[in-house]
Amino acid sequence: KLTVPKNINLYVDEGLNEIKSNEVYKSDVIPYKYGIPIRNAEEFMSFMKASDNYTDRTLSYIITDNINLKNADAVSPSTTTFTGELNGDYHSISGLKNNMFNSITGSSTKYTVIKNMILTNADFTVANDNVGLFGVGMNNHYYSFKNVYLIDFNLKGNYNIAYFIPKSRAGFRYENCGTSGGNLISGKSKGTLAGIVGWLDGNYGGDGYMKNVMSINTNLSTTYTSGNPDGCGGIAGGLNKGMQLTIENAYVASPVDVPGTPTNTGPVIGSTMANTTLKNVFYDSNIISKNTKFTNKLGTALETKEMIGTTSTLGNALNSEDWVLKEGYYPRLKWVAEQPIAKLYAATRGAFTSVIPDQTSSEDMFNGSISGAIKIPEELQKNAYSIESSDPDILKVTAGGTIIPVGKPGDTATIKITYTEPDETIGGSASNTYDF
C-alpha cells in the first residue's frame, strides 16, 4: 500500500534540478523569476496583439529567449492599456516594425513595469500620431522603466516623437536606461522630439524621476526647414506647469539639430514651464548640435575630452557602481557595458592605440592626428567587428586589422567599424565612424 508522506515539498533551482538539503550556496539570495513566458517571435507577436495566451493586460510576463523579428510583419498592437509587468530577463528583441503598446498606465500604488531588456534595429513610421516604442497613446502614466536599452532605432513621425514614450503624464520612473545610435525624425514643426520621453503633461500634477540615463549618437533631426517645435531635447522634449521633473546622473552625447532659431530647444530638455531639478546632468558641447541655437541650456556643457575616461569631469561625477568608466570611452551603464554595440558607440578616437607604444600620443590620438600604425580599441578587436577605410590611399587597413597612414601629410580619411551580430536569435548590426 502506497502512503503519501506528510512532507511532499521538492525544491528545485532554475534548471529544475533538485536542491539538496546540504547544498551550500555562495549567496544567501536565490533569484526567483515569475511570469507568463514569452518564448519566441510568434508568442511575442501574440503578446503585442493581446491574443491567445496574452489577453490579460494586468499580469506579469517574462521573455525567456532572444527574439528576432527581422522576418516578421508589422502588427497592430492591442488598444487595451497595459497595466502589468514585462520582464525581458536581459534578453534582446530586434527588428520591431511597430510600437509595442498603445499605452502603459498603472496606479499610484502599483506602477506598470518594463525592465531588463535590450532592443535593437526597430524601424517604423507613424504618419499622424505620436511615435514611440512603448506607448503612442495620450495617457501614459504611473509607469517604471529599469534596465532598458534601445539601440539603432529609426522612428519617423509628425507629432510627439521619442524613443521610449512620446507623451506622458506624471508618475513615471526611468532608471539605468539609455539609447545608442539611430535616428528620430520629425516631419512637422508640431509636437516634441526627444531622445527618451517627449511631451510631459503637467496638467494633472505630479512628478517624474530619471536617474542614470544617457544618449549616445542618437540623431534628432527634422525634415522641415522652418517653424518651432513644442519642444526638442536630448532627453526630454518639454513639460508644462504642474509637472515636477528630476533628472540625476545623466548625459547626452547626441546631435540635436532643428532648423532656424527655434524657441523650445535644449541639449537636455527642450522647453520647460515647470519645476525642474538637474543633478549631475551633462551634454557634449562638441557634438550636440551643428546648427541649432539652443534657448534652454539646462545641464552642464562639457567638451568631449571632459566626458571620456576614468578621471574626466563626467567620469568623476558618475563614478559609482552603476557605471563603467574606461579610458577613451564615454561612461557605460554597468548592466549593459558588455553589449557589443554599446561598446562600439561608447568608443572614441581616444580608445585607439598605437602599434608601437607612444608613437602617437594619447592627446594626438584623441584629436585624430596619428603618427604610424594604429589599432582599433582593444574591446572591438573581435571577429564580429569589421574595419573599412573611406580611402585606402590615405588610411590602409591590413588583413590583420592594423590601420596604416599611407597618404600625404594633412590628408584625412574615415575609419568605419561595423558590428554584425553572429547570433541569429539576436540579429542586428551597427556602425560607427572615426576621422583621422
Protein backbone atom coordinates (compact mmCIF):
# COMPACT_ATOMS: atom_id res chain seq x y z
CA LYS A 1 0.00 0.00 0.00
CA LEU A 2 1.43 3.42 -1.02
CA THR A 3 1.35 6.03 1.69
CA VAL A 4 1.72 9.70 0.72
CA PRO A 5 4.25 11.34 3.05
CA LYS A 6 3.20 14.36 5.06
CA ASN A 7 6.00 16.49 3.58
CA ILE A 8 5.93 16.27 -0.21
CA ASN A 9 7.83 19.53 -0.96
CA LEU A 10 10.57 19.38 -3.58
CA TYR A 11 12.84 22.42 -4.01
CA VAL A 12 14.43 22.97 -7.42
CA ASP A 13 16.71 25.57 -8.99
CA GLU A 14 16.14 27.49 -12.25
CA GLY A 15 17.13 24.40 -14.26
CA LEU A 16 14.59 22.28 -12.36
CA ASN A 17 17.42 20.40 -10.67
CA GLU A 18 16.80 19.27 -7.12
CA ILE A 19 18.27 21.46 -4.39
CA LYS A 20 19.64 19.03 -1.85
CA SER A 21 19.25 19.73 1.84
CA ASN A 22 23.00 20.02 2.42
CA GLU A 23 23.70 22.29 -0.56
CA VAL A 24 25.96 25.27 0.23
CA TYR A 25 25.44 28.49 -1.75
CA LYS A 26 27.81 31.43 -2.10
CA SER A 27 24.90 33.86 -1.75
CA ASP A 28 22.01 33.90 0.65
CA VAL A 29 19.74 35.10 -2.19
CA ILE A 30 18.32 32.63 -4.71
CA PRO A 31 16.69 34.52 -7.63
CA TYR A 32 13.03 33.82 -8.18
CA LYS A 33 11.55 34.78 -11.52
CA TYR A 34 7.91 34.58 -12.40
CA GLY A 35 5.52 35.48 -15.17
CA ILE A 36 3.73 34.06 -18.17
CA PRO A 37 6.52 33.08 -20.59
CA ILE A 38 7.07 34.68 -23.99
CA ARG A 39 9.38 32.19 -25.71
CA ASN A 40 9.68 33.16 -29.37
CA ALA A 41 8.73 35.68 -32.07
CA GLU A 42 5.28 34.18 -32.63
CA GLU A 43 4.39 34.44 -28.96
CA PHE A 44 5.76 37.97 -28.76
CA MET A 45 3.54 38.99 -31.68
CA SER A 46 0.58 37.50 -29.82
CA PHE A 47 1.61 39.38 -26.70
CA MET A 48 1.59 42.71 -28.55
CA LYS A 49 -1.84 41.93 -30.05
CA ALA A 50 -3.17 40.64 -26.70
CA SER A 51 -4.26 37.40 -28.33
CA ASP A 52 -4.02 33.69 -27.49
CA ASN A 53 -2.48 33.29 -24.01
CA TYR A 54 -1.72 37.02 -23.64
CA THR A 55 -5.14 38.68 -23.42
CA ASP A 56 -4.89 39.78 -19.78
CA ARG A 57 -3.04 43.12 -19.69
CA THR A 58 -2.80 43.19 -15.90
CA LEU A 59 -0.50 40.18 -15.44
CA SER A 60 3.28 39.68 -15.31
CA TYR A 61 5.06 38.39 -18.40
CA ILE A 62 8.65 37.25 -18.83
CA ILE A 63 10.70 36.89 -22.03
CA THR A 64 12.64 33.62 -21.86
CA ASP A 65 14.79 33.85 -25.01
CA ASN A 66 16.15 36.33 -27.54
CA ILE A 67 13.57 37.37 -30.14
CA ASN A 68 14.41 38.31 -33.73
CA LEU A 69 11.54 39.89 -35.68
CA LYS A 70 13.50 40.52 -38.86
CA ASN A 71 11.25 38.26 -40.93
CA ALA A 72 8.02 39.16 -39.11
CA ASP A 73 5.42 41.57 -40.41
CA ALA A 74 4.25 44.65 -38.56
CA VAL A 75 1.24 44.16 -36.30
CA SER A 76 -1.39 46.44 -34.81
CA PRO A 77 -0.84 46.38 -31.04
CA SER A 78 -3.78 45.97 -28.72
CA THR A 79 -5.56 49.21 -27.86
CA THR A 80 -6.10 47.92 -24.32
CA THR A 81 -3.84 49.72 -21.83
CA PHE A 82 -1.06 47.54 -20.42
CA THR A 83 -1.03 47.73 -16.62
CA GLY A 84 1.07 44.68 -15.78
CA GLU A 85 4.80 43.89 -15.88
CA LEU A 86 7.08 42.90 -18.75
CA ASN A 87 10.44 41.45 -17.69
CA GLY A 88 12.91 40.91 -20.54
CA ASP A 89 15.20 38.88 -18.27
CA TYR A 90 18.12 40.60 -20.08
CA HIS A 91 17.23 39.18 -23.49
CA SER A 92 17.30 41.07 -26.79
CA ILE A 93 14.42 41.96 -29.10
CA SER A 94 15.43 43.05 -32.60
CA GLY A 95 13.67 44.19 -35.74
CA LEU A 96 10.42 45.65 -34.40
CA LYS A 97 8.28 47.27 -37.11
CA ASN A 98 5.67 48.83 -34.84
CA ASN A 99 5.19 50.21 -31.33
CA MET A 100 4.90 47.56 -28.62
CA PHE A 101 1.94 49.04 -26.72
CA ASN A 102 -0.76 51.62 -27.29
CA SER A 103 -0.35 52.95 -23.75
CA ILE A 104 1.05 51.86 -20.39
CA THR A 105 -0.65 53.05 -17.23
CA GLY A 106 -0.56 51.78 -13.69
CA SER A 107 -1.68 53.43 -10.49
CA SER A 108 -0.06 55.48 -7.75
CA THR A 109 0.26 52.30 -5.66
CA LYS A 110 1.17 49.85 -8.45
CA TYR A 111 3.24 51.10 -11.37
CA THR A 112 3.31 49.37 -14.74
CA VAL A 113 6.85 47.95 -15.03
CA ILE A 114 9.06 47.41 -18.10
CA LYS A 115 12.51 46.10 -17.24
CA ASN A 116 15.66 44.18 -18.13
CA MET A 117 15.80 44.20 -21.93
CA ILE A 118 17.83 45.37 -24.92
CA LEU A 119 16.00 46.33 -28.11
CA THR A 120 17.79 46.84 -31.43
CA ASN A 121 17.07 47.89 -35.01
CA ALA A 122 13.42 48.89 -34.75
CA ASP A 123 12.22 50.81 -37.80
CA PHE A 124 8.77 52.30 -38.34
CA THR A 125 6.84 55.45 -39.24
CA VAL A 126 3.59 56.80 -37.83
CA ALA A 127 2.16 59.48 -40.11
CA ASN A 128 -0.37 61.32 -37.95
CA ASP A 129 0.12 60.31 -34.34
CA ASN A 130 2.67 60.03 -31.57
CA VAL A 131 5.70 57.83 -32.27
CA GLY A 132 7.47 55.82 -29.58
CA LEU A 133 8.23 52.22 -28.77
CA PHE A 134 6.28 51.69 -25.57
CA GLY A 135 3.19 53.86 -25.90
CA VAL A 136 1.71 56.08 -28.59
CA GLY A 137 -1.44 56.90 -26.61
CA MET A 138 -2.03 60.12 -24.70
CA ASN A 139 -2.44 58.76 -21.17
CA ASN A 140 0.83 57.05 -20.26
CA HIS A 141 1.47 57.49 -16.54
CA TYR A 142 2.37 55.63 -13.36
CA TYR A 143 4.97 53.50 -15.13
CA SER A 144 8.56 52.46 -14.50
CA PHE A 145 11.43 51.60 -16.83
CA LYS A 146 14.50 49.93 -15.33
CA ASN A 147 17.47 48.48 -17.21
CA VAL A 148 16.08 49.11 -20.69
CA TYR A 149 18.43 49.99 -23.56
CA LEU A 150 17.43 50.93 -27.12
CA ILE A 151 19.93 50.66 -29.99
CA ASP A 152 19.77 51.89 -33.60
CA PHE A 153 16.08 52.69 -33.85
CA ASN A 154 14.75 54.64 -36.83
CA LEU A 155 11.47 56.33 -35.88
CA LYS A 156 9.69 58.90 -38.05
CA GLY A 157 6.51 60.87 -37.49
CA ASN A 158 4.73 64.21 -37.47
CA TYR A 159 3.79 64.72 -33.84
CA ASN A 160 5.39 63.82 -30.47
CA ILE A 161 8.37 61.55 -31.16
CA ALA A 162 10.63 59.84 -28.62
CA TYR A 163 12.38 56.50 -28.28
CA PHE A 164 10.53 55.39 -25.13
CA ILE A 165 7.31 57.38 -24.59
CA PRO A 166 6.24 60.26 -26.88
CA LYS A 167 3.69 61.76 -24.47
CA SER A 168 3.41 61.18 -20.73
CA ARG A 169 1.64 62.37 -17.65
CA ALA A 170 3.35 62.46 -14.26
CA GLY A 171 4.12 59.44 -12.14
CA PHE A 172 7.00 57.86 -14.05
CA ARG A 173 10.45 56.49 -13.32
CA TYR A 174 13.39 55.84 -15.63
CA GLU A 175 16.41 54.14 -14.08
CA ASN A 176 19.53 52.77 -15.81
CA CYS A 177 18.11 53.41 -19.29
CA GLY A 178 19.70 54.70 -22.45
CA THR A 179 19.93 54.91 -26.24
CA SER A 180 22.75 54.37 -28.72
CA GLY A 181 22.65 55.22 -32.41
CA GLY A 182 19.61 55.56 -34.60
CA ASN A 183 17.52 58.43 -35.88
CA LEU A 184 14.44 60.26 -34.64
CA ILE A 185 12.98 62.34 -37.45
CA SER A 186 10.13 64.86 -37.27
CA GLY A 187 8.28 65.90 -40.39
CA LYS A 188 6.30 68.83 -38.95
CA SER A 189 7.03 71.71 -36.60
CA LYS A 190 4.45 70.39 -34.19
CA GLY A 191 4.74 68.31 -31.06
CA THR A 192 8.01 67.34 -29.37
CA LEU A 193 11.16 65.49 -30.37
CA ALA A 194 13.31 63.83 -27.72
CA GLY A 195 15.74 61.02 -27.06
CA ILE A 196 13.93 59.39 -24.12
CA VAL A 197 10.50 60.92 -23.42
CA GLY A 198 8.63 63.57 -25.43
CA TRP A 199 5.92 65.85 -24.05
CA LEU A 200 5.39 65.75 -20.27
CA ASP A 201 1.87 66.84 -19.49
CA GLY A 202 1.70 68.52 -16.09
CA ASN A 203 -1.98 69.47 -16.25
CA TYR A 204 -2.77 66.64 -13.85
CA GLY A 205 0.07 67.45 -11.43
CA GLY A 206 2.63 65.02 -10.08
CA ASP A 207 6.30 64.28 -10.61
CA GLY A 208 8.70 62.37 -12.82
CA TYR A 209 12.12 60.98 -11.94
CA MET A 210 15.01 59.90 -14.15
CA LYS A 211 18.30 58.52 -12.82
CA ASN A 212 21.29 57.09 -14.67
CA VAL A 213 20.05 57.83 -18.19
CA MET A 214 22.14 58.54 -21.27
CA SER A 215 22.07 59.03 -25.03
CA ILE A 216 24.97 58.49 -27.46
CA ASN A 217 24.89 59.07 -31.23
CA THR A 218 21.10 59.19 -31.42
CA ASN A 219 20.36 61.78 -34.09
CA LEU A 220 17.40 64.10 -33.52
CA SER A 221 16.53 65.97 -36.69
CA THR A 222 13.70 67.34 -38.85
CA THR A 223 12.72 67.27 -42.49
CA TYR A 224 11.02 70.68 -42.30
CA THR A 225 13.05 73.85 -42.78
CA SER A 226 11.27 76.39 -40.57
CA GLY A 227 8.98 76.60 -37.57
CA ASN A 228 9.17 75.94 -33.85
CA PRO A 229 8.53 72.57 -32.24
CA ASP A 230 6.71 72.40 -28.91
CA GLY A 231 9.97 71.10 -27.51
CA CYS A 232 13.13 69.34 -28.67
CA GLY A 233 15.75 67.93 -26.28
CA GLY A 234 18.29 65.16 -25.95
CA ILE A 235 16.45 63.52 -23.04
CA ALA A 236 13.02 65.20 -22.70
CA GLY A 237 11.06 67.22 -25.25
CA GLY A 238 9.24 69.61 -22.95
CA LEU A 239 6.99 69.94 -19.93
CA ASN A 240 4.36 72.36 -18.72
CA LYS A 241 3.19 73.72 -15.39
CA GLY A 242 2.23 71.19 -12.77
CA MET A 243 4.99 68.72 -13.60
CA GLN A 244 7.98 68.37 -11.28
CA LEU A 245 10.83 66.68 -13.11
CA THR A 246 14.09 65.48 -11.57
CA ILE A 247 16.98 64.15 -13.68
CA GLU A 248 20.02 62.78 -11.86
CA ASN A 249 23.31 61.34 -13.16
CA ALA A 250 22.73 61.69 -16.89
CA TYR A 251 24.44 62.81 -20.06
CA VAL A 252 23.72 63.46 -23.74
CA ALA A 253 26.30 62.93 -26.49
CA SER A 254 23.87 63.00 -29.40
CA PRO A 255 23.26 65.59 -32.13
CA VAL A 256 20.11 67.71 -31.74
CA ASP A 257 19.54 69.61 -34.99
CA VAL A 258 16.49 71.81 -35.55
CA PRO A 259 16.42 74.44 -38.33
CA GLY A 260 16.13 78.17 -37.91
CA THR A 261 16.12 79.77 -34.48
CA PRO A 262 13.71 77.57 -32.52
CA THR A 263 12.41 78.81 -29.19
CA ASN A 264 11.82 75.46 -27.48
CA THR A 265 15.06 73.53 -27.79
CA GLY A 266 17.77 72.38 -25.42
CA PRO A 267 20.59 69.85 -25.26
CA VAL A 268 18.81 68.05 -22.40
CA ILE A 269 15.25 69.43 -22.18
CA GLY A 270 13.51 71.39 -24.94
CA SER A 271 11.01 73.62 -23.19
CA THR A 272 10.01 73.92 -19.56
CA MET A 273 7.45 75.91 -17.63
CA ALA A 274 7.71 73.66 -14.60
CA ASN A 275 9.85 72.87 -11.60
CA THR A 276 12.92 71.10 -12.96
CA THR A 277 15.83 69.78 -10.89
CA LEU A 278 19.02 68.58 -12.55
CA LYS A 279 21.78 66.86 -10.57
CA ASN A 280 24.94 65.79 -12.38
CA VAL A 281 23.46 66.27 -15.86
CA PHE A 282 25.85 66.99 -18.74
CA TYR A 283 25.97 67.28 -22.51
CA ASP A 284 28.76 67.12 -25.11
CA SER A 285 29.11 70.64 -26.49
CA ASN A 286 31.34 69.43 -29.35
CA ILE A 287 28.67 67.30 -30.99
CA ILE A 288 25.30 68.28 -29.51
CA SER A 289 24.41 70.48 -32.48
CA LYS A 290 25.90 71.78 -35.69
CA ASN A 291 23.10 74.22 -36.46
CA THR A 292 20.71 74.69 -33.55
CA LYS A 293 20.79 77.83 -31.42
CA PHE A 294 19.51 76.49 -28.11
CA THR A 295 17.20 78.59 -25.98
CA ASN A 296 17.07 76.25 -22.97
CA LYS A 297 20.58 75.38 -21.89
CA LEU A 298 19.78 73.35 -18.78
CA GLY A 299 22.61 70.97 -17.93
CA THR A 300 26.37 71.43 -17.87
CA ALA A 301 28.26 71.77 -21.16
CA LEU A 302 31.47 69.75 -21.46
CA GLU A 303 33.86 69.12 -24.32
CA THR A 304 34.24 65.50 -25.44
CA LYS A 305 37.63 65.17 -23.76
CA GLU A 306 35.98 66.15 -20.46
CA MET A 307 33.48 63.30 -20.80
CA ILE A 308 35.61 60.25 -21.57
CA GLY A 309 37.91 58.19 -19.38
CA THR A 310 38.17 57.43 -15.70
CA THR A 311 39.23 60.81 -14.32
CA SER A 312 37.32 63.20 -16.58
CA THR A 313 34.76 65.65 -15.24
CA LEU A 314 31.94 63.36 -16.30
CA GLY A 315 33.78 60.27 -15.05
CA ASN A 316 34.23 61.76 -11.62
CA ALA A 317 30.58 62.84 -11.49
CA LEU A 318 29.29 59.38 -12.46
CA ASN A 319 31.85 57.36 -10.53
CA SER A 320 29.52 54.84 -8.91
CA GLU A 321 28.63 51.16 -9.05
CA ASP A 322 26.04 51.92 -11.76
CA TRP A 323 28.59 52.98 -14.39
CA VAL A 324 31.69 51.55 -16.10
CA LEU A 325 34.50 54.01 -16.85
CA LYS A 326 37.36 53.33 -19.25
CA GLU A 327 39.99 55.46 -20.97
CA GLY A 328 38.84 56.64 -24.38
CA TYR A 329 35.19 55.70 -23.77
CA TYR A 330 32.09 57.56 -22.69
CA PRO A 331 30.67 56.12 -19.45
CA ARG A 332 28.58 52.98 -19.96
CA LEU A 333 25.75 51.73 -17.81
CA LYS A 334 27.19 48.78 -15.94
CA TRP A 335 24.38 46.33 -16.65
CA VAL A 336 24.79 46.77 -20.43
CA ALA A 337 28.51 47.63 -20.59
CA GLU A 338 29.48 44.37 -22.32
CA GLN A 339 26.83 44.65 -25.03
CA PRO A 340 28.90 44.77 -28.27
CA ILE A 341 27.07 47.69 -29.89
CA ALA A 342 27.04 49.68 -26.65
CA LYS A 343 30.83 49.29 -26.65
CA LEU A 344 31.05 50.45 -30.26
CA TYR A 345 29.10 53.66 -29.73
CA ALA A 346 30.85 54.49 -26.45
CA ALA A 347 34.33 54.25 -28.02
CA THR A 348 36.01 57.46 -29.23
CA ARG A 349 39.26 58.00 -31.12
CA GLY A 350 40.91 58.21 -27.72
CA ALA A 351 40.39 54.46 -27.31
CA PHE A 352 42.53 53.61 -30.38
CA THR A 353 46.10 52.53 -29.64
CA SER A 354 49.50 52.81 -31.31
CA VAL A 355 51.05 49.61 -32.67
CA ILE A 356 54.39 51.00 -31.47
CA PRO A 357 53.74 52.27 -27.93
CA ASP A 358 53.64 56.07 -27.64
CA GLN A 359 54.36 56.64 -31.33
CA THR A 360 51.13 58.63 -31.30
CA SER A 361 50.41 60.37 -28.01
CA SER A 362 47.05 59.85 -26.35
CA GLU A 363 46.16 63.50 -26.94
CA ASP A 364 47.05 63.32 -30.65
CA MET A 365 45.10 60.06 -30.97
CA PHE A 366 42.04 61.69 -29.43
CA ASN A 367 42.39 64.62 -31.85
CA GLY A 368 42.75 62.27 -34.84
CA SER A 369 46.36 63.18 -35.62
CA ILE A 370 48.30 59.92 -35.90
CA SER A 371 51.96 59.07 -36.42
CA GLY A 372 52.44 55.50 -37.55
CA ALA A 373 50.25 52.42 -37.47
CA ILE A 374 47.32 52.19 -35.05
CA LYS A 375 44.84 49.60 -33.85
CA ILE A 376 41.12 49.94 -33.16
CA PRO A 377 40.07 49.86 -29.47
CA GLU A 378 41.01 46.58 -27.81
CA GLU A 379 37.42 45.78 -26.82
CA LEU A 380 36.44 45.93 -30.51
CA GLN A 381 39.18 43.58 -31.74
CA LYS A 382 36.78 40.67 -32.18
CA ASN A 383 35.70 38.67 -35.21
CA ALA A 384 32.23 40.22 -35.27
CA TYR A 385 33.70 43.69 -35.84
CA SER A 386 34.88 44.64 -39.35
CA ILE A 387 37.02 47.63 -40.34
CA GLU A 388 36.79 49.73 -43.50
CA SER A 389 38.63 52.82 -44.74
CA SER A 390 36.89 55.52 -46.77
CA ASP A 391 40.14 55.98 -48.74
CA PRO A 392 42.73 53.15 -48.72
CA ASP A 393 45.22 55.53 -50.36
CA ILE A 394 45.22 57.57 -47.15
CA LEU A 395 44.47 55.01 -44.45
CA LYS A 396 45.17 51.38 -45.32
CA VAL A 397 43.55 48.57 -43.32
CA THR A 398 45.60 45.36 -43.31
CA ALA A 399 44.17 41.86 -43.20
CA GLY A 400 45.13 41.72 -39.53
CA GLY A 401 43.20 44.89 -38.74
CA THR A 402 46.12 47.31 -38.45
CA ILE A 403 45.47 50.84 -39.76
CA ILE A 404 48.45 52.39 -41.56
CA PRO A 405 48.66 56.02 -42.73
CA VAL A 406 49.92 55.94 -46.34
CA GLY A 407 48.73 59.31 -47.64
CA LYS A 408 50.37 62.73 -47.71
CA PRO A 409 50.64 64.90 -44.58
CA GLY A 410 47.34 66.63 -43.99
CA ASP A 411 45.25 64.01 -45.80
CA THR A 412 42.28 62.68 -43.84
CA ALA A 413 40.07 59.63 -44.14
CA THR A 414 37.35 57.91 -42.15
CA ILE A 415 37.58 54.55 -40.44
CA LYS A 416 34.25 52.72 -40.23
CA ILE A 417 33.81 49.93 -37.70
CA THR A 418 30.78 47.70 -38.15
CA TYR A 419 29.47 45.14 -35.71
CA THR A 420 27.36 42.29 -37.11
CA GLU A 421 25.65 40.11 -34.52
CA PRO A 422 26.69 36.48 -35.19
CA ASP A 423 23.86 35.04 -33.10
CA GLU A 424 20.86 34.79 -35.44
CA THR A 425 18.47 34.66 -32.49
CA ILE A 426 19.55 38.24 -31.69
CA GLY A 427 20.32 39.71 -35.10
CA GLY A 428 21.12 43.32 -35.86
CA SER A 429 24.16 45.36 -36.79
CA ALA A 430 25.59 48.83 -36.22
CA SER A 431 28.42 51.05 -37.43
CA ASN A 432 30.43 53.94 -36.02
CA THR A 433 32.91 56.20 -37.80
CA TYR A 434 36.18 57.85 -36.76
CA ASP A 435 38.06 60.54 -38.72
CA PHE A 436 41.88 60.55 -38.79
